[in-house]
């Protein structure tokens, strides 16, 4: 049996989770700041880190109480080391180092994207080899996993991430932050009547969403200049249809080319209903999505990845530093 306490603070959520063995989540406490950052139309890094400092002790006490354990019961301390906002990452890192040092526990630094990927392992066993589509506000990647905790990035965004594009289109439509979930809901009520270009529609596994975002901005500007009225739901539907067409088609192509057993989806945009429906419908290869509560940033996903690292004795030293960007491929464990 193993009990892993994990801390996730890479952006605007401070979360602490305690995982027992592979799937028994004793607690997953998340202190969200979304209402605060919504006032600014996006995450303000300095505010995020300051709010983390204010709540980390309370979140820890709440987590231990909910799990009905004390620190002496914990087998290892895990924390997100990056990618993310440096100030936010530092708060979680220092809290985790302090706990590991004070209670003499093994220390595990976890790559944020590895955490998102292993959120799927909280549902059912990942079938290897597999292909992971990582989609979030800061990432759009295709990752080939030959075996457990093996990462090979075979495709990535050349500019904007898909979640970033959603939020920027949301601003154009004057939607509340974050715009992605709202656009997804609006798309269900709209029709694909506006023509938008397919971004980077080639044979590569890479993505590009900057052009699509710009096309929406220009479309709205030109319509305004002509005094034309745009139906927001129709534009949301048109944008999402094009964005998902590229995501899904390239994912399926890569999955077939690499002969994988399973497609897994990770990151905040994995909650997108349109993506879930389209990939499930069009892929002949089984697709696995994390539960909605584990799509956005949370510590349970960090604990899930840390559990694999713990089993392989992949520990970190206490001089580990946070970084805004870590190479996911360097996290691979040889078997």
Protein backbone atom coordinates (compact mmCIF):
# COMPACT_ATOMS: atom_id res chain seq x y z
CA UNK A 1 0.00 0.00 0.00
CA UNK A 2 1.16 3.53 -0.72
CA UNK A 3 -0.12 6.93 0.36
CA UNK A 4 1.05 9.84 -1.78
CA UNK A 5 0.36 13.47 -0.94
CA UNK A 6 0.53 15.68 -4.01
CA UNK A 7 0.50 19.45 -4.44
CA UNK A 8 -0.49 21.22 -7.67
CA UNK A 9 -0.06 25.01 -7.94
CA UNK A 10 1.08 25.62 -11.51
CA UNK A 11 -1.47 28.31 -12.33
CA UNK A 12 -4.53 29.64 -10.50
CA UNK A 13 -5.58 26.57 -8.53
CA UNK A 14 -4.00 25.45 -5.30
CA UNK A 15 -4.80 21.78 -4.91
CA UNK A 16 -3.70 19.03 -2.55
CA UNK A 17 -4.69 15.39 -2.94
CA UNK A 18 -3.88 12.18 -1.12
CA UNK A 19 -3.93 9.00 -3.22
CA UNK A 20 -4.04 5.52 -1.73
CA UNK A 21 -2.57 2.89 -4.02
CA UNK A 22 -3.67 3.29 -7.64
CA UNK A 23 -7.17 4.73 -7.60
CA UNK A 24 -8.46 5.38 -4.10
CA UNK A 25 -8.52 9.16 -3.82
CA UNK A 26 -8.85 9.97 -0.13
CA UNK A 27 -9.17 13.68 -0.87
CA UNK A 28 -8.71 16.16 -3.70
CA UNK A 29 -9.05 19.68 -2.34
CA UNK A 30 -9.01 22.49 -4.92
CA UNK A 31 -8.94 26.19 -4.03
CA UNK A 32 -9.86 27.97 -7.25
CA UNK A 33 -9.20 31.64 -8.00
CA UNK A 34 -11.26 31.82 -11.17
CA UNK A 35 -13.73 34.39 -9.81
CA UNK A 36 -10.85 36.74 -9.00
CA UNK A 37 -9.06 36.40 -12.34
CA UNK A 38 -12.33 36.66 -14.28
CA UNK A 39 -12.37 40.34 -13.28
CA UNK A 40 -9.20 40.82 -15.34
CA UNK A 41 -10.17 38.62 -18.28
CA UNK A 42 -7.36 36.17 -17.59
CA UNK A 43 -4.90 34.91 -14.99
CA UNK A 44 -2.72 37.59 -13.35
CA UNK A 45 0.47 35.75 -12.27
CA UNK A 46 1.34 37.93 -9.27
CA UNK A 47 -2.18 37.70 -7.87
CA UNK A 48 -2.20 33.93 -8.39
CA UNK A 49 1.01 33.36 -6.44
CA UNK A 50 -0.04 35.66 -3.59
CA UNK A 51 -3.38 33.87 -3.22
CA UNK A 52 -1.55 30.53 -3.18
CA UNK A 53 0.56 31.74 -0.25
CA UNK A 54 -2.59 32.76 1.61
CA UNK A 55 -4.39 29.44 1.24
CA UNK A 56 -1.79 26.64 1.06
CA UNK A 57 -1.80 25.92 4.81
CA UNK A 58 -5.60 25.82 4.93
CA UNK A 59 -5.80 23.53 1.90
CA UNK A 60 -3.26 21.16 3.50
CA UNK A 61 -5.17 21.02 6.79
CA UNK A 62 -8.42 20.40 4.92
CA UNK A 63 -6.87 17.62 2.83
CA UNK A 64 -5.45 15.78 5.85
CA UNK A 65 -8.77 16.09 7.66
CA UNK A 66 -10.81 14.82 4.70
CA UNK A 67 -8.43 11.90 4.17
CA UNK A 68 -8.39 11.16 7.91
CA UNK A 69 -4.62 10.73 7.95
CA UNK A 70 -1.66 12.60 9.38
CA UNK A 71 1.68 13.36 7.84
CA UNK A 72 3.33 10.35 9.46
CA UNK A 73 1.06 8.07 7.39
CA UNK A 74 2.25 9.56 4.09
CA UNK A 75 4.79 7.57 2.05
CA UNK A 76 5.92 10.32 -0.37
CA UNK A 77 5.43 14.00 -1.14
CA UNK A 78 4.84 14.96 -4.78
CA UNK A 79 4.60 18.39 -6.37
CA UNK A 80 4.28 19.97 -9.80
CA UNK A 81 7.72 21.24 -10.85
CA UNK A 82 6.59 22.77 -14.17
CA UNK A 83 5.54 23.86 -16.70
CA UNK A 84 3.51 26.72 -15.28
CA UNK A 85 3.72 30.19 -13.77
CA UNK A 86 7.00 30.46 -11.88
CA UNK A 87 5.56 32.32 -8.90
CA UNK A 88 2.68 29.89 -8.50
CA UNK A 89 4.95 26.87 -8.90
CA UNK A 90 7.31 28.19 -6.21
CA UNK A 91 4.57 28.24 -3.57
CA UNK A 92 3.72 24.58 -4.08
CA UNK A 93 7.39 23.60 -4.40
CA UNK A 94 8.42 25.23 -1.13
CA UNK A 95 5.45 23.72 0.70
CA UNK A 96 6.30 20.24 -0.63
CA UNK A 97 10.01 20.56 0.19
CA UNK A 98 9.20 21.71 3.71
CA UNK A 99 6.93 18.72 4.30
CA UNK A 100 9.41 16.26 2.81
CA UNK A 101 12.25 17.65 4.91
CA UNK A 102 10.28 17.96 8.14
CA UNK A 103 8.76 14.47 7.96
CA UNK A 104 11.68 12.69 6.22
CA UNK A 105 9.60 11.63 3.22
CA UNK A 106 10.73 10.81 -0.35
CA UNK A 107 10.28 13.82 -2.64
CA UNK A 108 8.91 13.57 -6.20
CA UNK A 109 8.88 16.41 -8.72
CA UNK A 110 6.19 15.79 -11.36
CA UNK A 111 5.89 17.22 -14.87
CA UNK A 112 2.53 18.97 -15.15
CA UNK A 113 1.66 17.33 -18.49
CA UNK A 114 2.56 13.88 -17.16
CA UNK A 115 0.01 14.59 -14.46
CA UNK A 116 -2.68 15.46 -16.99
CA UNK A 117 -1.92 12.28 -18.92
CA UNK A 118 -2.10 10.06 -15.84
CA UNK A 119 -5.43 11.53 -14.78
CA UNK A 120 -6.74 8.89 -17.19
CA UNK A 121 -5.14 6.16 -15.08
CA UNK A 122 -7.49 7.12 -12.26
CA UNK A 123 -10.35 5.73 -14.40
CA UNK A 124 -8.98 2.61 -16.04
CA UNK A 125 -5.67 1.09 -17.06
CA UNK A 126 -3.95 2.83 -19.94
CA UNK A 127 -3.29 0.42 -22.81
CA UNK A 128 0.21 0.66 -24.27
CA UNK A 129 1.35 1.61 -26.79
CA UNK A 130 -1.00 4.60 -26.82
CA UNK A 131 -1.24 8.08 -28.27
CA UNK A 132 -2.05 11.01 -26.02
CA UNK A 133 -3.66 14.21 -27.28
CA UNK A 134 -2.71 16.95 -24.81
CA UNK A 135 -5.03 19.95 -25.14
CA UNK A 136 -5.12 22.88 -22.73
CA UNK A 137 -4.68 26.62 -22.46
CA UNK A 138 -0.95 26.31 -22.85
CA UNK A 139 -0.45 23.02 -24.70
CA UNK A 140 -1.49 21.24 -27.87
CA UNK A 141 0.65 18.14 -28.33
CA UNK A 142 0.55 14.59 -29.61
CA UNK A 143 2.58 12.28 -27.38
CA UNK A 144 3.40 8.69 -28.29
CA UNK A 145 3.76 6.39 -25.27
CA UNK A 146 5.41 3.08 -26.12
CA UNK A 147 5.13 1.87 -22.53
CA UNK A 148 4.34 3.18 -19.07
CA UNK A 149 5.83 6.63 -18.41
CA UNK A 150 7.45 6.80 -21.83
CA UNK A 151 6.94 10.10 -23.66
CA UNK A 152 7.78 10.94 -27.27
CA UNK A 153 6.37 14.24 -28.53
CA UNK A 154 5.56 13.66 -32.20
CA UNK A 155 3.54 16.81 -32.81
CA UNK A 156 2.89 20.14 -31.15
CA UNK A 157 1.47 23.59 -31.74
CA UNK A 158 3.67 26.00 -33.66
CA UNK A 159 2.02 29.02 -32.05
CA UNK A 160 -1.19 29.30 -29.99
CA UNK A 161 -2.45 26.34 -27.99
CA UNK A 162 -6.04 25.28 -28.64
CA UNK A 163 -7.30 26.48 -25.25
CA UNK A 164 -5.62 29.84 -25.76
CA UNK A 165 -7.34 30.19 -29.14
CA UNK A 166 -10.71 29.39 -27.55
CA UNK A 167 -10.22 32.06 -24.90
CA UNK A 168 -9.11 34.70 -27.42
CA UNK A 169 -12.14 34.00 -29.61
CA UNK A 170 -14.21 34.24 -26.44
CA UNK A 171 -12.91 37.77 -25.90
CA UNK A 172 -13.88 38.74 -29.45
CA UNK A 173 -17.39 37.49 -28.71
CA UNK A 174 -17.38 39.37 -25.38
CA UNK A 175 -17.79 36.16 -23.40
CA UNK A 176 -16.82 35.76 -19.73
CA UNK A 177 -13.44 34.22 -18.91
CA UNK A 178 -12.63 31.42 -19.53
CA UNK A 179 -14.24 31.49 -22.96
CA UNK A 180 -13.61 27.85 -23.94
CA UNK A 181 -16.43 26.19 -21.96
CA UNK A 182 -18.88 28.91 -23.04
CA UNK A 183 -18.00 28.51 -26.73
CA UNK A 184 -18.46 24.75 -26.41
CA UNK A 185 -21.97 25.25 -25.04
CA UNK A 186 -22.86 27.93 -27.61
CA UNK A 187 -21.67 25.69 -30.46
CA UNK A 188 -24.40 23.18 -29.62
CA UNK A 189 -27.04 25.81 -30.36
CA UNK A 190 -25.39 27.20 -33.50
CA UNK A 191 -24.90 26.25 -37.13
CA UNK A 192 -21.68 26.13 -39.15
CA UNK A 193 -22.61 28.90 -41.57
CA UNK A 194 -19.42 30.99 -41.52
CA UNK A 195 -16.43 29.85 -43.58
CA UNK A 196 -13.15 29.73 -41.69
CA UNK A 197 -9.80 28.30 -42.85
CA UNK A 198 -8.54 24.90 -41.69
CA UNK A 199 -5.32 25.74 -39.82
CA UNK A 200 -2.14 23.88 -40.87
CA UNK A 201 -4.12 21.35 -42.87
CA UNK A 202 -1.13 19.20 -43.87
CA UNK A 203 0.29 15.72 -43.32
CA UNK A 204 2.31 16.66 -40.26
CA UNK A 205 1.29 15.98 -36.67
CA UNK A 206 1.73 19.65 -35.74
CA UNK A 207 -0.96 22.22 -35.01
CA UNK A 208 -1.36 25.94 -35.57
CA UNK A 209 -4.27 27.96 -34.23
CA UNK A 210 -3.01 31.53 -34.54
CA UNK A 211 -4.32 31.85 -38.09
CA UNK A 212 -7.74 30.55 -37.15
CA UNK A 213 -7.93 32.96 -34.24
CA UNK A 214 -6.91 35.84 -36.52
CA UNK A 215 -9.49 34.77 -39.10
CA UNK A 216 -12.25 35.03 -36.48
CA UNK A 217 -10.99 38.45 -35.36
CA UNK A 218 -10.85 39.73 -38.94
CA UNK A 219 -14.27 38.26 -39.72
CA UNK A 220 -15.83 40.08 -36.77
CA UNK A 221 -14.04 43.34 -37.63
CA UNK A 222 -15.14 43.25 -41.27
CA UNK A 223 -18.72 42.42 -40.32
CA UNK A 224 -18.74 45.35 -37.92
CA UNK A 225 -17.39 47.69 -40.61
CA UNK A 226 -20.19 46.59 -42.94
CA UNK A 227 -22.81 46.91 -40.22
CA UNK A 228 -23.63 43.20 -40.40
CA UNK A 229 -24.93 41.27 -37.43
CA UNK A 230 -23.09 38.11 -36.45
CA UNK A 231 -24.95 35.28 -34.74
CA UNK A 232 -22.62 34.40 -31.83
CA UNK A 233 -23.81 30.80 -31.62
CA UNK A 234 -23.18 30.28 -35.34
CA UNK A 235 -19.68 31.74 -35.11
CA UNK A 236 -18.93 29.59 -32.06
CA UNK A 237 -20.12 26.53 -33.96
CA UNK A 238 -18.11 27.45 -37.07
CA UNK A 239 -14.94 28.06 -35.06
CA UNK A 240 -15.24 24.90 -32.99
CA UNK A 241 -16.03 22.77 -36.04
CA UNK A 242 -12.82 23.86 -37.80
CA UNK A 243 -10.64 23.63 -34.69
CA UNK A 244 -11.85 20.15 -33.79
CA UNK A 245 -11.61 18.91 -37.36
CA UNK A 246 -7.86 19.52 -37.31
CA UNK A 247 -7.37 18.14 -33.80
CA UNK A 248 -9.32 14.94 -34.40
CA UNK A 249 -8.11 14.21 -37.94
CA UNK A 250 -4.43 14.57 -37.01
CA UNK A 251 -4.89 12.55 -33.83
CA UNK A 252 -6.54 9.67 -35.69
CA UNK A 253 -3.89 9.79 -38.43
CA UNK A 254 -1.06 9.62 -35.87
CA UNK A 255 -2.78 6.84 -33.93
CA UNK A 256 -3.07 4.72 -37.06
CA UNK A 257 0.45 5.53 -38.24
CA UNK A 258 1.91 4.45 -34.89
CA UNK A 259 -0.35 1.43 -34.49
CA UNK A 260 -1.50 2.27 -30.96
CA UNK A 261 -4.06 0.37 -28.90
CA UNK A 262 -5.67 3.44 -27.38
CA UNK A 263 -6.03 7.20 -27.72
CA UNK A 264 -6.06 9.11 -24.46
CA UNK A 265 -6.94 12.78 -24.11
CA UNK A 266 -5.52 15.05 -21.42
CA UNK A 267 -5.71 18.68 -20.33
CA UNK A 268 -8.45 21.20 -19.68
CA UNK A 269 -9.86 21.05 -23.21
CA UNK A 270 -10.46 17.30 -22.76
CA UNK A 271 -13.67 18.44 -21.03
CA UNK A 272 -14.92 19.88 -24.34
CA UNK A 273 -18.13 18.04 -25.26
CA UNK A 274 -17.63 18.62 -28.97
CA UNK A 275 -14.16 17.04 -28.86
CA UNK A 276 -15.38 14.07 -26.86
CA UNK A 277 -18.26 13.40 -29.24
CA UNK A 278 -16.26 13.85 -32.43
CA UNK A 279 -13.25 11.75 -31.43
CA UNK A 280 -15.39 8.96 -29.99
CA UNK A 281 -17.56 8.89 -33.11
CA UNK A 282 -14.83 9.08 -35.75
CA UNK A 283 -12.03 7.00 -34.24
CA UNK A 284 -11.96 3.24 -34.73
CA UNK A 285 -9.33 3.13 -31.98
CA UNK A 286 -10.80 3.34 -28.43
CA UNK A 287 -10.54 6.82 -26.90
CA UNK A 288 -10.20 7.43 -23.17
CA UNK A 289 -11.08 10.71 -21.47
CA UNK A 290 -10.52 11.66 -17.82
CA UNK A 291 -13.57 12.38 -15.64
CA UNK A 292 -14.67 16.01 -15.83
CA UNK A 293 -13.39 16.79 -12.32
CA UNK A 294 -9.88 15.71 -13.32
CA UNK A 295 -9.70 17.58 -16.65
CA UNK A 296 -8.62 20.92 -15.24
CA UNK A 297 -5.63 21.37 -12.92
CA UNK A 298 -5.86 19.28 -9.75
CA UNK A 299 -3.53 17.42 -7.42
CA UNK A 300 -5.11 13.98 -7.92
CA UNK A 301 -3.58 13.81 -11.40
CA UNK A 302 -0.17 14.76 -9.97
CA UNK A 303 -0.53 12.01 -7.36
CA UNK A 304 -1.44 9.52 -10.10
CA UNK A 305 1.74 10.28 -12.07
CA UNK A 306 3.77 10.33 -8.85
CA UNK A 307 2.45 6.88 -7.95
CA UNK A 308 4.11 5.46 -11.07
CA UNK A 309 7.32 7.34 -10.29
CA UNK A 310 7.21 6.09 -6.70
CA UNK A 311 6.95 2.48 -7.88
CA UNK A 312 9.99 3.01 -10.12
CA UNK A 313 11.87 4.80 -7.30
CA UNK A 314 12.17 7.92 -9.47
CA UNK A 315 12.73 10.49 -6.74
CA UNK A 316 13.98 14.08 -6.81
CA UNK A 317 16.55 15.84 -4.67
CA UNK A 318 15.54 18.75 -2.47
CA UNK A 319 17.50 21.17 -4.66
CA UNK A 320 14.98 20.69 -7.47
CA UNK A 321 13.97 23.98 -9.10
CA UNK A 322 10.72 25.00 -10.72
CA UNK A 323 10.78 25.96 -14.39
CA UNK A 324 8.19 27.59 -16.66
CA UNK A 325 9.00 24.85 -19.17
CA UNK A 326 10.30 21.30 -18.74
CA UNK A 327 11.03 18.79 -21.53
CA UNK A 328 8.39 16.05 -21.20
CA UNK A 329 10.53 13.51 -23.07
CA UNK A 330 13.23 13.76 -20.41
CA UNK A 331 10.73 12.45 -17.85
CA UNK A 332 10.57 9.03 -19.52
CA UNK A 333 11.41 5.97 -17.44
CA UNK A 334 13.35 3.19 -19.14
CA UNK A 335 11.97 -0.33 -18.72
